[in-house]
Amino acid sequence: MTRIFIVDDHPMVIEGIRSMLLHLPKLEVVGHAMNAASCLGYFVNHSADVVLLDINLPDQSGIDVCQALLKRWPELKIIALTNLDQLTYLQSMKEAGAIGYLLKNSSLQEIEMAIGAATSGKEYWLGKDSIRESMQEHNRPLLTRREIEVLK
């Protein structure tokens, strides 16, 4: 049984993830925290195998929390679960020691694959392609060259 700990500052997100993971019999949500202090405090007396960690927390960044957790408990597998689709966040989490990165619109299957990879010691960067696509979409001009020519 893989033990999961969820860190997010939104109760609805925590409950949504918990409800999704109930469909996966090999996973057990052992706890949650809504801020960095509660997260770090939990691991003083408890443990988990995988931490699903939001990057935006009210008292400290998830990047800093990732570093702090892995400094004290290097056996933890940390997967960022965020709505931040900028490549710089993915790179920062990777540098902080996270083993995976998922966007909050990930499917249950994607979350399961990321957790499975993490428990096997493999990285899972699903967001990378999604982020690239998002960046390409944002960088597209509003009008094509041909449309600009027609307007002239």
C-alpha atoms as a PDB file:
ATOM      1  CA  MET A   1       0.000   0.000   0.000  1.00  0.00           C
ATOM      2  CA  THR A   2       1.440   3.358  -1.059  1.00  0.00           C
ATOM      3  CA  ARG A   3       0.816   6.084   1.516  1.00  0.00           C
ATOM      4  CA  ILE A   4      -0.043   9.509   0.075  1.00  0.00           C
ATOM      5  CA  PHE A   5       0.103  12.901   1.803  1.00  0.00           C
ATOM      6  CA  ILE A   6      -1.613  15.889   0.139  1.00  0.00           C
ATOM      7  CA  VAL A   7      -0.536  19.518   0.603  1.00  0.00           C
ATOM      8  CA  ASP A   8      -2.821  22.221  -0.802  1.00  0.00           C
ATOM      9  CA  ASP A   9      -4.335  25.381   0.625  1.00  0.00           C
ATOM     10  CA  HIS A  10      -7.780  24.660  -0.841  1.00  0.00           C
ATOM     11  CA  PRO A  11      -9.993  22.163   1.047  1.00  0.00           C
ATOM     12  CA  MET A  12     -11.963  21.398  -2.123  1.00  0.00           C
ATOM     13  CA  VAL A  13      -8.772  20.357  -3.929  1.00  0.00           C
ATOM     14  CA  ILE A  14      -7.699  18.136  -1.039  1.00  0.00           C
ATOM     15  CA  GLU A  15     -11.106  16.443  -0.901  1.00  0.00           C
ATOM     16  CA  GLY A  16     -11.237  16.099  -4.681  1.00  0.00           C
ATOM     17  CA  ILE A  17      -7.850  14.388  -4.813  1.00  0.00           C
ATOM     18  CA  ARG A  18      -8.739  12.214  -1.826  1.00  0.00           C
ATOM     19  CA  SER A  19     -11.999  11.162  -3.522  1.00  0.00           C
ATOM     20  CA  MET A  20     -10.210  10.387  -6.782  1.00  0.00           C
ATOM     21  CA  LEU A  21      -7.578   8.288  -5.027  1.00  0.00           C
ATOM     22  CA  LEU A  22     -10.273   6.208  -3.266  1.00  0.00           C
ATOM     23  CA  HIS A  23     -10.743   4.495  -6.651  1.00  0.00           C
ATOM     24  CA  LEU A  24      -7.181   3.171  -6.512  1.00  0.00           C
ATOM     25  CA  PRO A  25      -7.020   0.294  -4.019  1.00  0.00           C
ATOM     26  CA  LYS A  26      -3.208   0.272  -3.778  1.00  0.00           C
ATOM     27  CA  LEU A  27      -3.124   3.876  -2.553  1.00  0.00           C
ATOM     28  CA  GLU A  28      -4.038   5.267   0.847  1.00  0.00           C
ATOM     29  CA  VAL A  29      -4.283   8.956   1.732  1.00  0.00           C
ATOM     30  CA  VAL A  30      -2.719   9.136   5.197  1.00  0.00           C
ATOM     31  CA  GLY A  31      -3.088  12.857   5.768  1.00  0.00           C
ATOM     32  CA  HIS A  32      -3.132  16.365   4.421  1.00  0.00           C
ATOM     33  CA  ALA A  33      -1.951  19.865   5.230  1.00  0.00           C
ATOM     34  CA  MET A  34      -3.126  23.271   4.091  1.00  0.00           C
ATOM     35  CA  ASN A  35       0.163  25.090   4.650  1.00  0.00           C
ATOM     36  CA  ALA A  36       3.907  24.526   4.890  1.00  0.00           C
ATOM     37  CA  ALA A  37       4.081  24.579   8.688  1.00  0.00           C
ATOM     38  CA  SER A  38       1.434  21.858   9.070  1.00  0.00           C
ATOM     39  CA  CYS A  39       3.090  19.787   6.367  1.00  0.00           C
ATOM     40  CA  LEU A  40       6.528  19.926   7.976  1.00  0.00           C
ATOM     41  CA  GLY A  41       4.999  19.298  11.406  1.00  0.00           C
ATOM     42  CA  TYR A  42       3.197  16.187  10.188  1.00  0.00           C
ATOM     43  CA  PHE A  43       6.396  14.446   9.169  1.00  0.00           C
ATOM     44  CA  VAL A  44       7.994  14.886  12.595  1.00  0.00           C
ATOM     45  CA  ASN A  45       5.784  12.069  13.950  1.00  0.00           C
ATOM     46  CA  HIS A  46       4.290  10.464  10.835  1.00  0.00           C
ATOM     47  CA  SER A  47       5.384   9.255   7.438  1.00  0.00           C
ATOM     48  CA  ALA A  48       4.184   8.811   3.879  1.00  0.00           C
ATOM     49  CA  ASP A  49       5.649   7.438   0.685  1.00  0.00           C
ATOM     50  CA  VAL A  50       4.544  10.153  -1.744  1.00  0.00           C
ATOM     51  CA  VAL A  51       3.704  13.815  -1.190  1.00  0.00           C
ATOM     52  CA  LEU A  52       1.425  15.607  -3.662  1.00  0.00           C
ATOM     53  CA  LEU A  53       2.559  19.193  -3.133  1.00  0.00           C
ATOM     54  CA  ASP A  54       1.023  22.422  -4.381  1.00  0.00           C
ATOM     55  CA  ILE A  55       3.538  25.141  -5.250  1.00  0.00           C
ATOM     56  CA  ASN A  56       1.429  28.073  -4.004  1.00  0.00           C
ATOM     57  CA  LEU A  57       0.987  27.830  -0.249  1.00  0.00           C
ATOM     58  CA  PRO A  58      -0.004  30.689   2.067  1.00  0.00           C
ATOM     59  CA  ASP A  59       3.075  30.641   4.318  1.00  0.00           C
ATOM     60  CA  GLN A  60       5.913  29.368   2.125  1.00  0.00           C
ATOM     61  CA  SER A  61       6.447  28.276  -1.461  1.00  0.00           C
ATOM     62  CA  GLY A  62       6.050  24.621  -2.340  1.00  0.00           C
ATOM     63  CA  ILE A  63       9.546  24.784  -3.825  1.00  0.00           C
ATOM     64  CA  ASP A  64      10.982  25.661  -0.392  1.00  0.00           C
ATOM     65  CA  VAL A  65       8.802  23.021   1.282  1.00  0.00           C
ATOM     66  CA  CYS A  66      10.084  20.413  -1.171  1.00  0.00           C
ATOM     67  CA  GLN A  67      13.687  21.265  -0.286  1.00  0.00           C
ATOM     68  CA  ALA A  68      12.969  21.253   3.459  1.00  0.00           C
ATOM     69  CA  LEU A  69      11.160  17.904   3.342  1.00  0.00           C
ATOM     70  CA  LEU A  70      13.885  16.197   1.337  1.00  0.00           C
ATOM     71  CA  LYS A  71      16.625  17.619   3.536  1.00  0.00           C
ATOM     72  CA  ARG A  72      15.122  15.914   6.612  1.00  0.00           C
ATOM     73  CA  TRP A  73      13.406  12.960   4.931  1.00  0.00           C
ATOM     74  CA  PRO A  74      15.301  12.161   1.718  1.00  0.00           C
ATOM     75  CA  GLU A  75      13.319   8.956   1.152  1.00  0.00           C
ATOM     76  CA  LEU A  76      10.140  10.943   0.385  1.00  0.00           C
ATOM     77  CA  LYS A  77       8.951  11.100  -3.201  1.00  0.00           C
ATOM     78  CA  ILE A  78       7.508  14.510  -3.988  1.00  0.00           C
ATOM     79  CA  ILE A  79       5.242  15.262  -6.931  1.00  0.00           C
ATOM     80  CA  ALA A  80       4.199  18.845  -7.603  1.00  0.00           C
ATOM     81  CA  LEU A  81       0.460  19.060  -8.233  1.00  0.00           C
ATOM     82  CA  THR A  82      -0.282  22.581  -9.372  1.00  0.00           C
ATOM     83  CA  ASN A  83      -2.157  24.792 -11.784  1.00  0.00           C
ATOM     84  CA  LEU A  84       1.061  26.665 -12.671  1.00  0.00           C
ATOM     85  CA  ASP A  85       1.885  25.757 -16.240  1.00  0.00           C
ATOM     86  CA  GLN A  86       5.082  27.767 -16.646  1.00  0.00           C
ATOM     87  CA  LEU A  87       8.223  25.790 -17.428  1.00  0.00           C
ATOM     88  CA  THR A  88      10.206  27.766 -14.832  1.00  0.00           C
ATOM     89  CA  TYR A  89       8.122  26.247 -12.019  1.00  0.00           C
ATOM     90  CA  LEU A  90       8.685  22.736 -13.332  1.00  0.00           C
ATOM     91  CA  GLN A  91      12.429  23.388 -13.494  1.00  0.00           C
ATOM     92  CA  SER A  92      12.453  24.884  -9.981  1.00  0.00           C
ATOM     93  CA  MET A  93      10.622  21.883  -8.529  1.00  0.00           C
ATOM     94  CA  LYS A  94      12.990  19.509 -10.301  1.00  0.00           C
ATOM     95  CA  GLU A  95      15.995  21.404  -8.907  1.00  0.00           C
ATOM     96  CA  ALA A  96      14.397  21.291  -5.437  1.00  0.00           C
ATOM     97  CA  GLY A  97      14.317  17.490  -5.656  1.00  0.00           C
ATOM     98  CA  ALA A  98      10.767  16.721  -6.774  1.00  0.00           C
ATOM     99  CA  ILE A  99      10.413  13.532  -8.766  1.00  0.00           C
ATOM    100  CA  GLY A 100       7.322  14.595 -10.700  1.00  0.00           C
ATOM    101  CA  TYR A 101       5.129  17.458 -11.850  1.00  0.00           C
ATOM    102  CA  LEU A 102       1.428  17.312 -12.635  1.00  0.00           C
ATOM    103  CA  LEU A 103      -1.065  19.975 -13.522  1.00  0.00           C
ATOM    104  CA  LYS A 104      -4.268  20.031 -11.469  1.00  0.00           C
ATOM    105  CA  ASN A 105      -6.299  19.173 -14.545  1.00  0.00           C
ATOM    106  CA  SER A 106      -4.534  15.785 -14.747  1.00  0.00           C
ATOM    107  CA  SER A 107      -6.698  12.691 -15.001  1.00  0.00           C
ATOM    108  CA  LEU A 108      -6.846   9.973 -12.369  1.00  0.00           C
ATOM    109  CA  GLN A 109      -4.872   7.746 -14.731  1.00  0.00           C
ATOM    110  CA  GLU A 110      -2.110  10.370 -15.007  1.00  0.00           C
ATOM    111  CA  ILE A 111      -1.956  10.787 -11.230  1.00  0.00           C
ATOM    112  CA  GLU A 112      -1.783   7.008 -10.808  1.00  0.00           C
ATOM    113  CA  MET A 113       1.021   6.783 -13.376  1.00  0.00           C
ATOM    114  CA  ALA A 114       2.973   9.566 -11.655  1.00  0.00           C
ATOM    115  CA  ILE A 115       2.634   7.939  -8.227  1.00  0.00           C
ATOM    116  CA  GLY A 116       3.605   4.547  -9.672  1.00  0.00           C
ATOM    117  CA  ALA A 117       6.675   6.049 -11.321  1.00  0.00           C
ATOM    118  CA  ALA A 118       7.644   7.873  -8.127  1.00  0.00           C
ATOM    119  CA  THR A 119       7.406   4.760  -5.962  1.00  0.00           C
ATOM    120  CA  SER A 120       9.647   2.996  -8.486  1.00  0.00           C
ATOM    121  CA  GLY A 121      12.172   5.817  -8.229  1.00  0.00           C
ATOM    122  CA  LYS A 122      11.395   7.127 -11.709  1.00  0.00           C
ATOM    123  CA  GLU A 123      10.616  10.704 -12.657  1.00  0.00           C
ATOM    124  CA  TYR A 124       7.266  11.725 -14.126  1.00  0.00           C
ATOM    125  CA  TRP A 125       7.040  15.144 -15.743  1.00  0.00           C
ATOM    126  CA  LEU A 126       3.619  15.076 -17.388  1.00  0.00           C
ATOM    127  CA  GLY A 127       3.296  18.822 -17.279  1.00  0.00           C
ATOM    128  CA  LYS A 128       6.346  19.377 -19.475  1.00  0.00           C
ATOM    129  CA  ASP A 129       4.548  18.711 -22.777  1.00  0.00           C
ATOM    130  CA  SER A 130       1.373  20.390 -21.566  1.00  0.00           C
ATOM    131  CA  ILE A 131       3.411  23.402 -20.520  1.00  0.00           C
ATOM    132  CA  ARG A 132       5.191  23.556 -23.860  1.00  0.00           C
ATOM    133  CA  GLU A 133       1.836  23.402 -25.658  1.00  0.00           C
ATOM    134  CA  SER A 134       0.467  26.117 -23.404  1.00  0.00           C
ATOM    135  CA  MET A 135       3.517  28.310 -24.003  1.00  0.00           C
ATOM    136  CA  GLN A 136       3.261  27.802 -27.751  1.00  0.00           C
ATOM    137  CA  GLU A 137      -0.426  28.670 -27.606  1.00  0.00           C
ATOM    138  CA  HIS A 138       0.343  31.872 -25.656  1.00  0.00           C
ATOM    139  CA  ASN A 139       3.129  32.843 -28.042  1.00  0.00           C
ATOM    140  CA  ARG A 140       0.994  32.486 -31.164  1.00  0.00           C
ATOM    141  CA  PRO A 141       0.130  35.775 -32.817  1.00  0.00           C
ATOM    142  CA  LEU A 142      -3.513  36.747 -32.590  1.00  0.00           C
ATOM    143  CA  LEU A 143      -3.677  36.941 -36.376  1.00  0.00           C
ATOM    144  CA  THR A 144      -1.781  34.926 -38.974  1.00  0.00           C
ATOM    145  CA  ARG A 145       0.350  36.717 -41.576  1.00  0.00           C
ATOM    146  CA  ARG A 146      -2.282  36.000 -44.199  1.00  0.00           C
ATOM    147  CA  GLU A 147      -5.046  37.466 -42.034  1.00  0.00           C
ATOM    148  CA  ILE A 148      -2.972  40.621 -41.530  1.00  0.00           C
ATOM    149  CA  GLU A 149      -2.436  40.896 -45.307  1.00  0.00           C
ATOM    150  CA  VAL A 150      -6.170  40.561 -45.951  1.00  0.00           C
ATOM    151  CA  LEU A 151      -6.930  43.290 -43.410  1.00  0.00           C
ATOM    152  CA  LYS A 152      -4.475  45.659 -45.098  1.00  0.00           C
END
